[in-house]
Amino acid sequence: MRAQSSKNKASFQSRGLARKEQPVMAWAALLSPKLMMLCFLLGCVLVSGLSVIYVTFQNRTYLNELQQLKNERNALQVQWGQLRIEQSTFSLEGRIERKAVDELQMQVPEFSELVMVRYE
């Protein structure tokens, strides 16, 4: 065994490279094309996963906003309907007054001509 380990040391020393002098990157093969491609693909998968999470979050945010806007629209439609009913109620009195003046030639009496009736 010792003969073999001394042989390995001799072969490294004969190449001019001692075990301590070898770069860690070369020893771990971190700069190999296969490993670089694997790291690139892993990065792509990571970015794709994060983008799916982001798009899902945006989708939920926009869906909540849409629901709030629909609720607001419904409330405004109810308010609009109430205002239309109120407008038609107020315009009815003016219509009656116009018909009384135009068709029946009725007039509002003077203040001195008004008679107050008391109910007891």
PDB file of N, CA and C in Angstrom:
ATOM      1  N   MET A   1       0.802  -1.172   0.000  1.00  0.00           N
ATOM      2  CA  MET A   1       0.000   0.000   0.000  1.00  0.00           C
ATOM      3  C   MET A   1       0.858   1.253   0.000  1.00  0.00           C
ATOM      4  N   ARG A   2       1.902   1.200   0.812  1.00  0.00           N
ATOM      5  CA  ARG A   2       2.772   2.350   0.876  1.00  0.00           C
ATOM      6  C   ARG A   2       3.493   2.524  -0.437  1.00  0.00           C
ATOM      7  N   ALA A   3       3.761   1.475  -1.076  1.00  0.00           N
ATOM      8  CA  ALA A   3       4.460   1.576  -2.346  1.00  0.00           C
ATOM      9  C   ALA A   3       3.567   2.249  -3.374  1.00  0.00           C
ATOM     10  N   GLN A   4       2.294   1.929  -3.308  1.00  0.00           N
ATOM     11  CA  GLN A   4       1.361   2.510  -4.273  1.00  0.00           C
ATOM     12  C   GLN A   4       1.139   3.994  -3.978  1.00  0.00           C
ATOM     13  N   SER A   5       1.017   4.389  -2.713  1.00  0.00           N
ATOM     14  CA  SER A   5       0.811   5.790  -2.379  1.00  0.00           C
ATOM     15  C   SER A   5       2.046   6.613  -2.707  1.00  0.00           C
ATOM     16  N   SER A   6       3.211   6.026  -2.521  1.00  0.00           N
ATOM     17  CA  SER A   6       4.411   6.749  -2.890  1.00  0.00           C
ATOM     18  C   SER A   6       4.505   6.871  -4.400  1.00  0.00           C
ATOM     19  N   LYS A   7       3.964   5.894  -5.107  1.00  0.00           N
ATOM     20  CA  LYS A   7       3.929   5.945  -6.570  1.00  0.00           C
ATOM     21  C   LYS A   7       3.033   7.097  -7.021  1.00  0.00           C
ATOM     22  N   ASN A   8       1.857   7.241  -6.371  1.00  0.00           N
ATOM     23  CA  ASN A   8       0.927   8.328  -6.722  1.00  0.00           C
ATOM     24  C   ASN A   8       1.559   9.681  -6.455  1.00  0.00           C
ATOM     25  N   LYS A   9       2.261   9.812  -5.323  1.00  0.00           N
ATOM     26  CA  LYS A   9       2.920  11.070  -5.002  1.00  0.00           C
ATOM     27  C   LYS A   9       3.983  11.389  -6.037  1.00  0.00           C
ATOM     28  N   ALA A  10       4.657  10.347  -6.436  1.00  0.00           N
ATOM     29  CA  ALA A  10       5.709  10.556  -7.420  1.00  0.00           C
ATOM     30  C   ALA A  10       5.126  10.976  -8.748  1.00  0.00           C
ATOM     31  N   SER A  11       3.970  10.396  -9.113  1.00  0.00           N
ATOM     32  CA  SER A  11       3.367  10.757 -10.398  1.00  0.00           C
ATOM     33  C   SER A  11       2.872  12.204 -10.362  1.00  0.00           C
ATOM     34  N   PHE A  12       2.285  12.658  -9.243  1.00  0.00           N
ATOM     35  CA  PHE A  12       1.854  14.048  -9.131  1.00  0.00           C
ATOM     36  C   PHE A  12       3.047  14.988  -9.174  1.00  0.00           C
ATOM     37  N   GLN A  13       4.113  14.590  -8.476  1.00  0.00           N
ATOM     38  CA  GLN A  13       5.298  15.441  -8.441  1.00  0.00           C
ATOM     39  C   GLN A  13       5.995  15.458  -9.788  1.00  0.00           C
ATOM     40  N   SER A  14       5.884  14.353 -10.504  1.00  0.00           N
ATOM     41  CA  SER A  14       6.529  14.331 -11.809  1.00  0.00           C
ATOM     42  C   SER A  14       5.779  15.220 -12.794  1.00  0.00           C
ATOM     43  N   ARG A  15       4.504  15.357 -12.628  1.00  0.00           N
ATOM     44  CA  ARG A  15       3.721  16.246 -13.493  1.00  0.00           C
ATOM     45  C   ARG A  15       3.887  17.709 -13.073  1.00  0.00           C
ATOM     46  N   GLY A  16       4.476  17.933 -11.968  1.00  0.00           N
ATOM     47  CA  GLY A  16       4.668  19.303 -11.512  1.00  0.00           C
ATOM     48  C   GLY A  16       3.514  19.790 -10.660  1.00  0.00           C
ATOM     49  N   LEU A  17       2.606  18.887 -10.310  1.00  0.00           N
ATOM     50  CA  LEU A  17       1.444  19.276  -9.514  1.00  0.00           C
ATOM     51  C   LEU A  17       1.449  18.496  -8.211  1.00  0.00           C
ATOM     52  N   ALA A  18       1.514  19.177  -7.154  1.00  0.00           N
ATOM     53  CA  ALA A  18       1.373  18.522  -5.867  1.00  0.00           C
ATOM     54  C   ALA A  18      -0.109  18.477  -5.526  1.00  0.00           C
ATOM     55  N   ARG A  19      -0.538  17.603  -4.673  1.00  0.00           N
ATOM     56  CA  ARG A  19      -1.951  17.457  -4.327  1.00  0.00           C
ATOM     57  C   ARG A  19      -2.509  18.772  -3.757  1.00  0.00           C
ATOM     58  N   LYS A  20      -1.715  19.480  -3.010  1.00  0.00           N
ATOM     59  CA  LYS A  20      -2.169  20.733  -2.433  1.00  0.00           C
ATOM     60  C   LYS A  20      -2.228  21.851  -3.465  1.00  0.00           C
ATOM     61  N   GLU A  21      -1.506  21.738  -4.520  1.00  0.00           N
ATOM     62  CA  GLU A  21      -1.449  22.794  -5.515  1.00  0.00           C
ATOM     63  C   GLU A  21      -2.566  22.698  -6.554  1.00  0.00           C
ATOM     64  N   GLN A  22      -3.311  21.601  -6.591  1.00  0.00           N
ATOM     65  CA  GLN A  22      -4.394  21.473  -7.558  1.00  0.00           C
ATOM     66  C   GLN A  22      -5.523  22.445  -7.199  1.00  0.00           C
ATOM     67  N   PRO A  23      -6.072  23.148  -8.177  1.00  0.00           N
ATOM     68  CA  PRO A  23      -7.195  24.044  -7.886  1.00  0.00           C
ATOM     69  C   PRO A  23      -8.429  23.228  -7.469  1.00  0.00           C
ATOM     70  N   VAL A  24      -9.180  23.776  -6.542  1.00  0.00           N
ATOM     71  CA  VAL A  24     -10.366  23.082  -6.032  1.00  0.00           C
ATOM     72  C   VAL A  24     -11.407  22.943  -7.142  1.00  0.00           C
ATOM     73  N   MET A  25     -11.537  23.965  -7.978  1.00  0.00           N
ATOM     74  CA  MET A  25     -12.518  23.927  -9.061  1.00  0.00           C
ATOM     75  C   MET A  25     -12.228  22.780 -10.020  1.00  0.00           C
ATOM     76  N   ALA A  26     -10.962  22.568 -10.336  1.00  0.00           N
ATOM     77  CA  ALA A  26     -10.603  21.483 -11.252  1.00  0.00           C
ATOM     78  C   ALA A  26     -10.808  20.140 -10.572  1.00  0.00           C
ATOM     79  N   TRP A  27     -10.497  20.070  -9.289  1.00  0.00           N
ATOM     80  CA  TRP A  27     -10.645  18.814  -8.562  1.00  0.00           C
ATOM     81  C   TRP A  27     -12.125  18.430  -8.442  1.00  0.00           C
ATOM     82  N   ALA A  28     -13.001  19.415  -8.189  1.00  0.00           N
ATOM     83  CA  ALA A  28     -14.427  19.132  -8.029  1.00  0.00           C
ATOM     84  C   ALA A  28     -15.148  19.134  -9.364  1.00  0.00           C
ATOM     85  N   ALA A  29     -14.486  19.484 -10.426  1.00  0.00           N
ATOM     86  CA  ALA A  29     -15.065  19.543 -11.769  1.00  0.00           C
ATOM     87  C   ALA A  29     -16.260  20.491 -11.813  1.00  0.00           C
ATOM     88  N   LEU A  30     -16.146  21.646 -11.130  1.00  0.00           N
ATOM     89  CA  LEU A  30     -17.236  22.617 -11.096  1.00  0.00           C
ATOM     90  C   LEU A  30     -17.321  23.444 -12.373  1.00  0.00           C
ATOM     91  N   LEU A  31     -16.297  23.421 -13.175  1.00  0.00           N
ATOM     92  CA  LEU A  31     -16.317  24.196 -14.411  1.00  0.00           C
ATOM     93  C   LEU A  31     -16.557  23.320 -15.625  1.00  0.00           C
ATOM     94  N   SER A  32     -17.022  22.104 -15.401  1.00  0.00           N
ATOM     95  CA  SER A  32     -17.268  21.220 -16.546  1.00  0.00           C
ATOM     96  C   SER A  32     -18.530  21.680 -17.269  1.00  0.00           C
ATOM     97  N   PRO A  33     -18.593  21.476 -18.584  1.00  0.00           N
ATOM     98  CA  PRO A  33     -19.760  21.935 -19.356  1.00  0.00           C
ATOM     99  C   PRO A  33     -21.067  21.267 -18.908  1.00  0.00           C
ATOM    100  N   LYS A  34     -21.016  20.012 -18.523  1.00  0.00           N
ATOM    101  CA  LYS A  34     -22.231  19.328 -18.095  1.00  0.00           C
ATOM    102  C   LYS A  34     -22.786  19.958 -16.811  1.00  0.00           C
ATOM    103  N   LEU A  35     -21.897  20.240 -15.877  1.00  0.00           N
ATOM    104  CA  LEU A  35     -22.337  20.831 -14.626  1.00  0.00           C
ATOM    105  C   LEU A  35     -22.833  22.258 -14.836  1.00  0.00           C
ATOM    106  N   MET A  36     -22.190  22.992 -15.716  1.00  0.00           N
ATOM    107  CA  MET A  36     -22.640  24.361 -16.023  1.00  0.00           C
ATOM    108  C   MET A  36     -24.039  24.330 -16.637  1.00  0.00           C
ATOM    109  N   MET A  37     -24.277  23.388 -17.550  1.00  0.00           N
ATOM    110  CA  MET A  37     -25.588  23.251 -18.182  1.00  0.00           C
ATOM    111  C   MET A  37     -26.635  22.855 -17.141  1.00  0.00           C
ATOM    112  N   LEU A  38     -26.272  21.961 -16.231  1.00  0.00           N
ATOM    113  CA  LEU A  38     -27.178  21.549 -15.173  1.00  0.00           C
ATOM    114  C   LEU A  38     -27.533  22.726 -14.273  1.00  0.00           C
ATOM    115  N   CYS A  39     -26.554  23.547 -13.925  1.00  0.00           N
ATOM    116  CA  CYS A  39     -26.810  24.735 -13.107  1.00  0.00           C
ATOM    117  C   CYS A  39     -27.694  25.735 -13.853  1.00  0.00           C
ATOM    118  N   PHE A  40     -27.458  25.907 -15.128  1.00  0.00           N
ATOM    119  CA  PHE A  40     -28.278  26.805 -15.940  1.00  0.00           C
ATOM    120  C   PHE A  40     -29.726  26.319 -15.977  1.00  0.00           C
ATOM    121  N   LEU A  41     -29.929  25.027 -16.210  1.00  0.00           N
ATOM    122  CA  LEU A  41     -31.284  24.485 -16.256  1.00  0.00           C
ATOM    123  C   LEU A  41     -31.962  24.561 -14.889  1.00  0.00           C
ATOM    124  N   LEU A  42     -31.210  24.341 -13.836  1.00  0.00           N
ATOM    125  CA  LEU A  42     -31.754  24.467 -12.493  1.00  0.00           C
ATOM    126  C   LEU A  42     -32.177  25.909 -12.215  1.00  0.00           C
ATOM    127  N   GLY A  43     -31.380  26.854 -12.659  1.00  0.00           N
ATOM    128  CA  GLY A  43     -31.741  28.270 -12.521  1.00  0.00           C
ATOM    129  C   GLY A  43     -33.003  28.603 -13.299  1.00  0.00           C
ATOM    130  N   CYS A  44     -33.126  28.040 -14.521  1.00  0.00           N
ATOM    131  CA  CYS A  44     -34.330  28.272 -15.326  1.00  0.00           C
ATOM    132  C   CYS A  44     -35.576  27.716 -14.635  1.00  0.00           C
ATOM    133  N   VAL A  45     -35.463  26.534 -14.056  1.00  0.00           N
ATOM    134  CA  VAL A  45     -36.593  25.939 -13.337  1.00  0.00           C
ATOM    135  C   VAL A  45     -36.955  26.789 -12.131  1.00  0.00           C
ATOM    136  N   LEU A  46     -35.968  27.295 -11.420  1.00  0.00           N
ATOM    137  CA  LEU A  46     -36.207  28.139 -10.259  1.00  0.00           C
ATOM    138  C   LEU A  46     -36.907  29.441 -10.663  1.00  0.00           C
ATOM    139  N   VAL A  47     -36.426  30.074 -11.717  1.00  0.00           N
ATOM    140  CA  VAL A  47     -37.047  31.315 -12.196  1.00  0.00           C
ATOM    141  C   VAL A  47     -38.474  31.039 -12.668  1.00  0.00           C
ATOM    142  N   SER A  48     -38.679  29.925 -13.353  1.00  0.00           N
ATOM    143  CA  SER A  48     -40.018  29.571 -13.819  1.00  0.00           C
ATOM    144  C   SER A  48     -40.964  29.346 -12.647  1.00  0.00           C
ATOM    145  N   GLY A  49     -40.507  28.665 -11.629  1.00  0.00           N
ATOM    146  CA  GLY A  49     -41.347  28.436 -10.452  1.00  0.00           C
ATOM    147  C   GLY A  49     -41.705  29.723  -9.737  1.00  0.00           C
ATOM    148  N   LEU A  50     -40.725  30.611  -9.600  1.00  0.00           N
ATOM    149  CA  LEU A  50     -40.994  31.896  -8.953  1.00  0.00           C
ATOM    150  C   LEU A  50     -41.961  32.743  -9.778  1.00  0.00           C
ATOM    151  N   SER A  51     -41.844  32.675 -11.091  1.00  0.00           N
ATOM    152  CA  SER A  51     -42.763  33.446 -11.933  1.00  0.00           C
ATOM    153  C   SER A  51     -44.183  32.892 -11.842  1.00  0.00           C
ATOM    154  N   VAL A  52     -44.324  31.580 -11.717  1.00  0.00           N
ATOM    155  CA  VAL A  52     -45.661  30.993 -11.540  1.00  0.00           C
ATOM    156  C   VAL A  52     -46.263  31.482 -10.226  1.00  0.00           C
ATOM    157  N   ILE A  53     -45.476  31.521  -9.169  1.00  0.00           N
ATOM    158  CA  ILE A  53     -45.963  32.006  -7.876  1.00  0.00           C
ATOM    159  C   ILE A  53     -46.377  33.473  -7.985  1.00  0.00           C
ATOM    160  N   TYR A  54     -45.578  34.285  -8.654  1.00  0.00           N
ATOM    161  CA  TYR A  54     -45.879  35.707  -8.799  1.00  0.00           C
ATOM    162  C   TYR A  54     -47.156  35.922  -9.609  1.00  0.00           C
ATOM    163  N   VAL A  55     -47.290  35.191 -10.711  1.00  0.00           N
ATOM    164  CA  VAL A  55     -48.481  35.349 -11.558  1.00  0.00           C
ATOM    165  C   VAL A  55     -49.730  34.882 -10.813  1.00  0.00           C
ATOM    166  N   THR A  56     -49.627  33.827 -10.034  1.00  0.00           N
ATOM    167  CA  THR A  56     -50.762  33.366  -9.242  1.00  0.00           C
ATOM    168  C   THR A  56     -51.156  34.413  -8.215  1.00  0.00           C
ATOM    169  N   PHE A  57     -50.181  35.029  -7.574  1.00  0.00           N
ATOM    170  CA  PHE A  57     -50.461  36.091  -6.605  1.00  0.00           C
ATOM    171  C   PHE A  57     -51.153  37.273  -7.280  1.00  0.00           C
ATOM    172  N   GLN A  58     -50.642  37.679  -8.446  1.00  0.00           N
ATOM    173  CA  GLN A  58     -51.269  38.785  -9.184  1.00  0.00           C
ATOM    174  C   GLN A  58     -52.701  38.427  -9.572  1.00  0.00           C
ATOM    175  N   ASN A  59     -52.902  37.187 -10.016  1.00  0.00           N
ATOM    176  CA  ASN A  59     -54.230  36.748 -10.417  1.00  0.00           C
ATOM    177  C   ASN A  59     -55.206  36.855  -9.255  1.00  0.00           C
ATOM    178  N   ARG A  60     -54.803  36.416  -8.079  1.00  0.00           N
ATOM    179  CA  ARG A  60     -55.682  36.496  -6.905  1.00  0.00           C
ATOM    180  C   ARG A  60     -55.944  37.946  -6.514  1.00  0.00           C
ATOM    181  N   THR A  61     -54.930  38.782  -6.611  1.00  0.00           N
ATOM    182  CA  THR A  61     -55.103  40.200  -6.284  1.00  0.00           C
ATOM    183  C   THR A  61     -56.098  40.851  -7.233  1.00  0.00           C
ATOM    184  N   TYR A  62     -55.933  40.594  -8.526  1.00  0.00           N
ATOM    185  CA  TYR A  62     -56.849  41.173  -9.509  1.00  0.00           C
ATOM    186  C   TYR A  62     -58.259  40.610  -9.366  1.00  0.00           C
ATOM    187  N   LEU A  63     -58.373  39.349  -8.988  1.00  0.00           N
ATOM    188  CA  LEU A  63     -59.692  38.755  -8.791  1.00  0.00           C
ATOM    189  C   LEU A  63     -60.395  39.407  -7.610  1.00  0.00           C
ATOM    190  N   ASN A  64     -59.671  39.667  -6.533  1.00  0.00           N
ATOM    191  CA  ASN A  64     -60.260  40.369  -5.383  1.00  0.00           C
ATOM    192  C   ASN A  64     -60.683  41.779  -5.756  1.00  0.00           C
ATOM    193  N   GLU A  65     -59.845  42.459  -6.518  1.00  0.00           N
ATOM    194  CA  GLU A  65     -60.181  43.816  -6.954  1.00  0.00           C
ATOM    195  C   GLU A  65     -61.420  43.813  -7.846  1.00  0.00           C
ATOM    196  N   LEU A  66     -61.510  42.821  -8.733  1.00  0.00           N
ATOM    197  CA  LEU A  66     -62.680  42.701  -9.608  1.00  0.00           C
ATOM    198  C   LEU A  66     -63.939  42.474  -8.788  1.00  0.00           C
ATOM    199  N   GLN A  67     -63.867  41.629  -7.773  1.00  0.00           N
ATOM    200  CA  GLN A  67     -65.024  41.364  -6.922  1.00  0.00           C
ATOM    201  C   GLN A  67     -65.457  42.626  -6.182  1.00  0.00           C
ATOM    202  N   GLN A  68     -64.501  43.399  -5.688  1.00  0.00           N
ATOM    203  CA  GLN A  68     -64.839  44.650  -5.005  1.00  0.00           C
ATOM    204  C   GLN A  68     -65.494  45.633  -5.961  1.00  0.00           C
ATOM    205  N   LEU A  69     -64.987  45.709  -7.192  1.00  0.00           N
ATOM    206  CA  LEU A  69     -65.572  46.623  -8.179  1.00  0.00           C
ATOM    207  C   LEU A  69     -66.985  46.181  -8.565  1.00  0.00           C
ATOM    208  N   LYS A  70     -67.222  44.869  -8.642  1.00  0.00           N
ATOM    209  CA  LYS A  70     -68.574  44.379  -8.937  1.00  0.00           C
ATOM    210  C   LYS A  70     -69.530  44.737  -7.806  1.00  0.00           C
ATOM    211  N   ASN A  71     -69.074  44.591  -6.568  1.00  0.00           N
ATOM    212  CA  ASN A  71     -69.920  44.968  -5.432  1.00  0.00           C
ATOM    213  C   ASN A  71     -70.228  46.458  -5.454  1.00  0.00           C
ATOM    214  N   GLU A  72     -69.222  47.271  -5.775  1.00  0.00           N
ATOM    215  CA  GLU A  72     -69.431  48.713  -5.866  1.00  0.00           C
ATOM    216  C   GLU A  72     -70.406  49.054  -6.992  1.00  0.00           C
ATOM    217  N   ARG A  73     -70.276  48.363  -8.133  1.00  0.00           N
ATOM    218  CA  ARG A  73     -71.194  48.587  -9.253  1.00  0.00           C
ATOM    219  C   ARG A  73     -72.628  48.259  -8.856  1.00  0.00           C
ATOM    220  N   ASN A  74     -72.815  47.143  -8.140  1.00  0.00           N
ATOM    221  CA  ASN A  74     -74.160  46.770  -7.717  1.00  0.00           C
ATOM    222  C   ASN A  74     -74.740  47.810  -6.759  1.00  0.00           C
ATOM    223  N   ALA A  75     -73.925  48.301  -5.841  1.00  0.00           N
ATOM    224  CA  ALA A  75     -74.396  49.332  -4.905  1.00  0.00           C
ATOM    225  C   ALA A  75     -74.764  50.612  -5.651  1.00  0.00           C
ATOM    226  N   LEU A  76     -73.961  50.974  -6.645  1.00  0.00           N
ATOM    227  CA  LEU A  76     -74.263  52.179  -7.426  1.00  0.00           C
ATOM    228  C   LEU A  76     -75.523  52.001  -8.262  1.00  0.00           C
ATOM    229  N   GLN A  77     -75.758  50.789  -8.769  1.00  0.00           N
ATOM    230  CA  GLN A  77     -76.983  50.540  -9.537  1.00  0.00           C
ATOM    231  C   GLN A  77     -78.215  50.653  -8.646  1.00  0.00           C
ATOM    232  N   VAL A  78     -78.118  50.155  -7.412  1.00  0.00           N
ATOM    233  CA  VAL A  78     -79.233  50.283  -6.470  1.00  0.00           C
ATOM    234  C   VAL A  78     -79.480  51.760  -6.164  1.00  0.00           C
ATOM    235  N   GLN A  79     -78.411  52.504  -5.924  1.00  0.00           N
ATOM    236  CA  GLN A  79     -78.556  53.929  -5.639  1.00  0.00           C
ATOM    237  C   GLN A  79     -79.145  54.670  -6.839  1.00  0.00           C
ATOM    238  N   TRP A  80     -78.731  54.303  -8.042  1.00  0.00           N
ATOM    239  CA  TRP A  80     -79.261  54.939  -9.252  1.00  0.00           C
ATOM    240  C   TRP A  80     -80.759  54.671  -9.386  1.00  0.00           C
ATOM    241  N   GLY A  81     -81.169  53.440  -9.108  1.00  0.00           N
ATOM    242  CA  GLY A  81     -82.599  53.116  -9.160  1.00  0.00           C
ATOM    243  C   GLY A  81     -83.396  53.922  -8.155  1.00  0.00           C
ATOM    244  N   GLN A  82     -82.847  54.079  -6.942  1.00  0.00           N
ATOM    245  CA  GLN A  82     -83.534  54.877  -5.925  1.00  0.00           C
ATOM    246  C   GLN A  82     -83.639  56.340  -6.348  1.00  0.00           C
ATOM    247  N   LEU A  83     -82.584  56.865  -6.951  1.00  0.00           N
ATOM    248  CA  LEU A  83     -82.620  58.253  -7.411  1.00  0.00           C
ATOM    249  C   LEU A  83     -83.627  58.445  -8.547  1.00  0.00           C
ATOM    250  N   ARG A  84     -83.740  57.461  -9.425  1.00  0.00           N
ATOM    251  CA  ARG A  84     -84.727  57.567 -10.513  1.00  0.00           C
ATOM    252  C   ARG A  84     -86.148  57.551  -9.962  1.00  0.00           C
ATOM    253  N   ILE A  85     -86.391  56.713  -8.954  1.00  0.00           N
ATOM    254  CA  ILE A  85     -87.722  56.681  -8.332  1.00  0.00           C
ATOM    255  C   ILE A  85     -88.005  58.016  -7.652  1.00  0.00           C
ATOM    256  N   GLU A  86     -87.008  58.565  -6.958  1.00  0.00           N
ATOM    257  CA  GLU A  86     -87.176  59.851  -6.291  1.00  0.00           C
ATOM    258  C   GLU A  86     -87.436  60.963  -7.305  1.00  0.00           C
ATOM    259  N   GLN A  87     -86.726  60.937  -8.420  1.00  0.00           N
ATOM    260  CA  GLN A  87     -86.915  61.953  -9.450  1.00  0.00           C
ATOM    261  C   GLN A  87     -88.312  61.858 -10.043  1.00  0.00           C
ATOM    262  N   SER A  88     -88.765  60.650 -10.295  1.00  0.00           N
ATOM    263  CA  SER A  88     -90.109  60.512 -10.865  1.00  0.00           C
ATOM    264  C   SER A  88     -91.168  60.965  -9.871  1.00  0.00           C
ATOM    265  N   THR A  89     -90.926  60.762  -8.571  1.00  0.00           N
ATOM    266  CA  THR A  89     -91.874  61.215  -7.553  1.00  0.00           C
ATOM    267  C   THR A  89     -91.934  62.738  -7.511  1.00  0.00           C
ATOM    268  N   PHE A  90     -90.767  63.381  -7.554  1.00  0.00           N
ATOM    269  CA  PHE A  90     -90.748  64.847  -7.521  1.00  0.00           C
ATOM    270  C   PHE A  90     -91.282  65.450  -8.808  1.00  0.00           C
ATOM    271  N   SER A  91     -91.041  64.833  -9.911  1.00  0.00           N
ATOM    272  CA  SER A  91     -91.513  65.399 -11.173  1.00  0.00           C
ATOM    273  C   SER A  91     -93.015  65.225 -11.317  1.00  0.00           C
ATOM    274  N   LEU A  92     -93.601  64.292 -10.591  1.00  0.00           N
ATOM    275  CA  LEU A  92     -95.045  64.074 -10.656  1.00  0.00           C
ATOM    276  C   LEU A  92     -95.789  65.292 -10.118  1.00  0.00           C
ATOM    277  N   GLU A  93     -95.335  65.898  -9.009  1.00  0.00           N
ATOM    278  CA  GLU A  93     -95.984  67.085  -8.448  1.00  0.00           C
ATOM    279  C   GLU A  93     -95.906  68.252  -9.416  1.00  0.00           C
ATOM    280  N   GLY A  94     -94.769  68.459 -10.024  1.00  0.00           N
ATOM    281  CA  GLY A  94     -94.630  69.540 -10.999  1.00  0.00           C
ATOM    282  C   GLY A  94     -95.531  69.321 -12.202  1.00  0.00           C
ATOM    283  N   ARG A  95     -95.691  68.104 -12.607  1.00  0.00           N
ATOM    284  CA  ARG A  95     -96.565  67.778 -13.756  1.00  0.00           C
ATOM    285  C   ARG A  95     -98.015  68.084 -13.417  1.00  0.00           C
ATOM    286  N   ILE A  96     -98.400  67.720 -12.206  1.00  0.00           N
ATOM    287  CA  ILE A  96     -99.783  67.988 -11.782  1.00  0.00           C
ATOM    288  C   ILE A  96    -100.030  69.493 -11.719  1.00  0.00           C
ATOM    289  N   GLU A  97     -99.051  70.225 -11.173  1.00  0.00           N
ATOM    290  CA  GLU A  97     -99.209  71.675 -11.085  1.00  0.00           C
ATOM    291  C   GLU A  97     -99.286  72.303 -12.478  1.00  0.00           C
ATOM    292  N   ARG A  98     -98.467  71.856 -13.389  1.00  0.00           N
ATOM    293  CA  ARG A  98     -98.513  72.398 -14.757  1.00  0.00           C
ATOM    294  C   ARG A  98     -99.852  72.106 -15.428  1.00  0.00           C
ATOM    295  N   LYS A  99    -100.362  70.899 -15.266  1.00  0.00           N
ATOM    296  CA  LYS A  99    -101.655  70.562 -15.878  1.00  0.00           C
ATOM    297  C   LYS A  99    -102.775  71.408 -15.266  1.00  0.00           C
ATOM    298  N   ALA A 100    -102.693  71.633 -13.942  1.00  0.00           N
ATOM    299  CA  ALA A 100    -103.733  72.441 -13.290  1.00  0.00           C
ATOM    300  C   ALA A 100    -103.709  73.872 -13.812  1.00  0.00           C
ATOM    301  N   VAL A 101    -102.538  74.418 -14.005  1.00  0.00           N
ATOM    302  CA  VAL A 101    -102.431  75.795 -14.487  1.00  0.00           C
ATOM    303  C   VAL A 101    -102.799  75.860 -15.964  1.00  0.00           C
ATOM    304  N   ASP A 102    -102.296  74.960 -16.783  1.00  0.00           N
ATOM    305  CA  ASP A 102    -102.513  75.030 -18.231  1.00  0.00           C
ATOM    306  C   ASP A 102    -103.918  74.607 -18.634  1.00  0.00           C
ATOM    307  N   GLU A 103    -104.387  73.473 -18.172  1.00  0.00           N
ATOM    308  CA  GLU A 103    -105.670  72.936 -18.655  1.00  0.00           C
ATOM    309  C   GLU A 103    -106.864  73.484 -17.877  1.00  0.00           C
ATOM    310  N   LEU A 104    -106.704  73.683 -16.566  1.00  0.00           N
ATOM    311  CA  LEU A 104    -107.838  74.108 -15.752  1.00  0.00           C
ATOM    312  C   LEU A 104    -107.769  75.589 -15.367  1.00  0.00           C
ATOM    313  N   GLN A 105    -106.731  76.290 -15.797  1.00  0.00           N
ATOM    314  CA  GLN A 105    -106.526  77.699 -15.505  1.00  0.00           C
ATOM    315  C   GLN A 105    -106.631  77.982 -13.996  1.00  0.00           C
ATOM    316  N   MET A 106    -106.059  77.110 -13.192  1.00  0.00           N
ATOM    317  CA  MET A 106    -106.047  77.299 -11.736  1.00  0.00           C
ATOM    318  C   MET A 106    -104.845  78.170 -11.375  1.00  0.00           C
ATOM    319  N   GLN A 107    -105.014  78.942 -10.294  1.00  0.00           N
ATOM    320  CA  GLN A 107    -103.947  79.796  -9.824  1.00  0.00           C
ATOM    321  C   GLN A 107    -103.803  79.639  -8.314  1.00  0.00           C
ATOM    322  N   VAL A 108    -102.608  79.931  -7.843  1.00  0.00           N
ATOM    323  CA  VAL A 108    -102.362  79.899  -6.405  1.00  0.00           C
ATOM    324  C   VAL A 108    -102.963  81.171  -5.818  1.00  0.00           C
ATOM    325  N   PRO A 109    -103.813  81.062  -4.767  1.00  0.00           N
ATOM    326  CA  PRO A 109    -104.452  82.261  -4.201  1.00  0.00           C
ATOM    327  C   PRO A 109    -103.442  83.144  -3.471  1.00  0.00           C
ATOM    328  N   GLU A 110    -103.786  84.384  -3.310  1.00  0.00           N
ATOM    329  CA  GLU A 110    -102.973  85.327  -2.556  1.00  0.00           C
ATOM    330  C   GLU A 110    -103.010  84.932  -1.084  1.00  0.00           C
ATOM    331  N   PHE A 111    -102.034  85.415  -0.351  1.00  0.00           N
ATOM    332  CA  PHE A 111    -101.939  85.077   1.056  1.00  0.00           C
ATOM    333  C   PHE A 111    -103.154  85.589   1.837  1.00  0.00           C
ATOM    334  N   SER A 112    -103.660  86.738   1.460  1.00  0.00           N
ATOM    335  CA  SER A 112    -104.813  87.325   2.155  1.00  0.00           C
ATOM    336  C   SER A 112    -106.091  86.540   1.880  1.00  0.00           C
ATOM    337  N   GLU A 113    -106.119  85.783   0.807  1.00  0.00           N
ATOM    338  CA  GLU A 113    -107.319  85.010   0.457  1.00  0.00           C
ATOM    339  C   GLU A 113    -107.321  83.619   1.082  1.00  0.00           C
ATOM    340  N   LEU A 114    -106.255  83.228   1.723  1.00  0.00           N
ATOM    341  CA  LEU A 114    -106.190  81.912   2.343  1.00  0.00           C
ATOM    342  C   LEU A 114    -106.994  81.882   3.623  1.00  0.00           C
ATOM    343  N   VAL A 115    -107.707  80.780   3.852  1.00  0.00           N
ATOM    344  CA  VAL A 115    -108.489  80.602   5.055  1.00  0.00           C
ATOM    345  C   VAL A 115    -107.967  79.374   5.757  1.00  0.00           C
ATOM    346  N   MET A 116    -107.645  79.553   7.021  1.00  0.00           N
ATOM    347  CA  MET A 116    -107.116  78.435   7.810  1.00  0.00           C
ATOM    348  C   MET A 116    -108.272  77.795   8.554  1.00  0.00           C
ATOM    349  N   VAL A 117    -108.389  76.500   8.465  1.00  0.00           N
ATOM    350  CA  VAL A 117    -109.432  75.765   9.147  1.00  0.00           C
ATOM    351  C   VAL A 117    -108.800  75.006  10.285  1.00  0.00           C
ATOM    352  N   ARG A 118    -109.382  75.176  11.473  1.00  0.00           N
ATOM    353  CA  ARG A 118    -108.834  74.490  12.634  1.00  0.00           C
ATOM    354  C   ARG A 118    -109.640  73.232  12.881  1.00  0.00           C
ATOM    355  N   TYR A 119    -108.915  72.229  13.225  1.00  0.00           N
ATOM    356  CA  TYR A 119    -109.559  70.951  13.575  1.00  0.00           C
ATOM    357  C   TYR A 119    -109.401  70.741  15.058  1.00  0.00           C
ATOM    358  N   GLU A 120    -110.555  70.596  15.750  1.00  0.00           N
ATOM    359  CA  GLU A 120    -110.477  70.394  17.193  1.00  0.00           C
ATOM    360  C   GLU A 120    -111.078  69.101  17.594  1.00  0.00           C
TER     361      GLU A 120
END
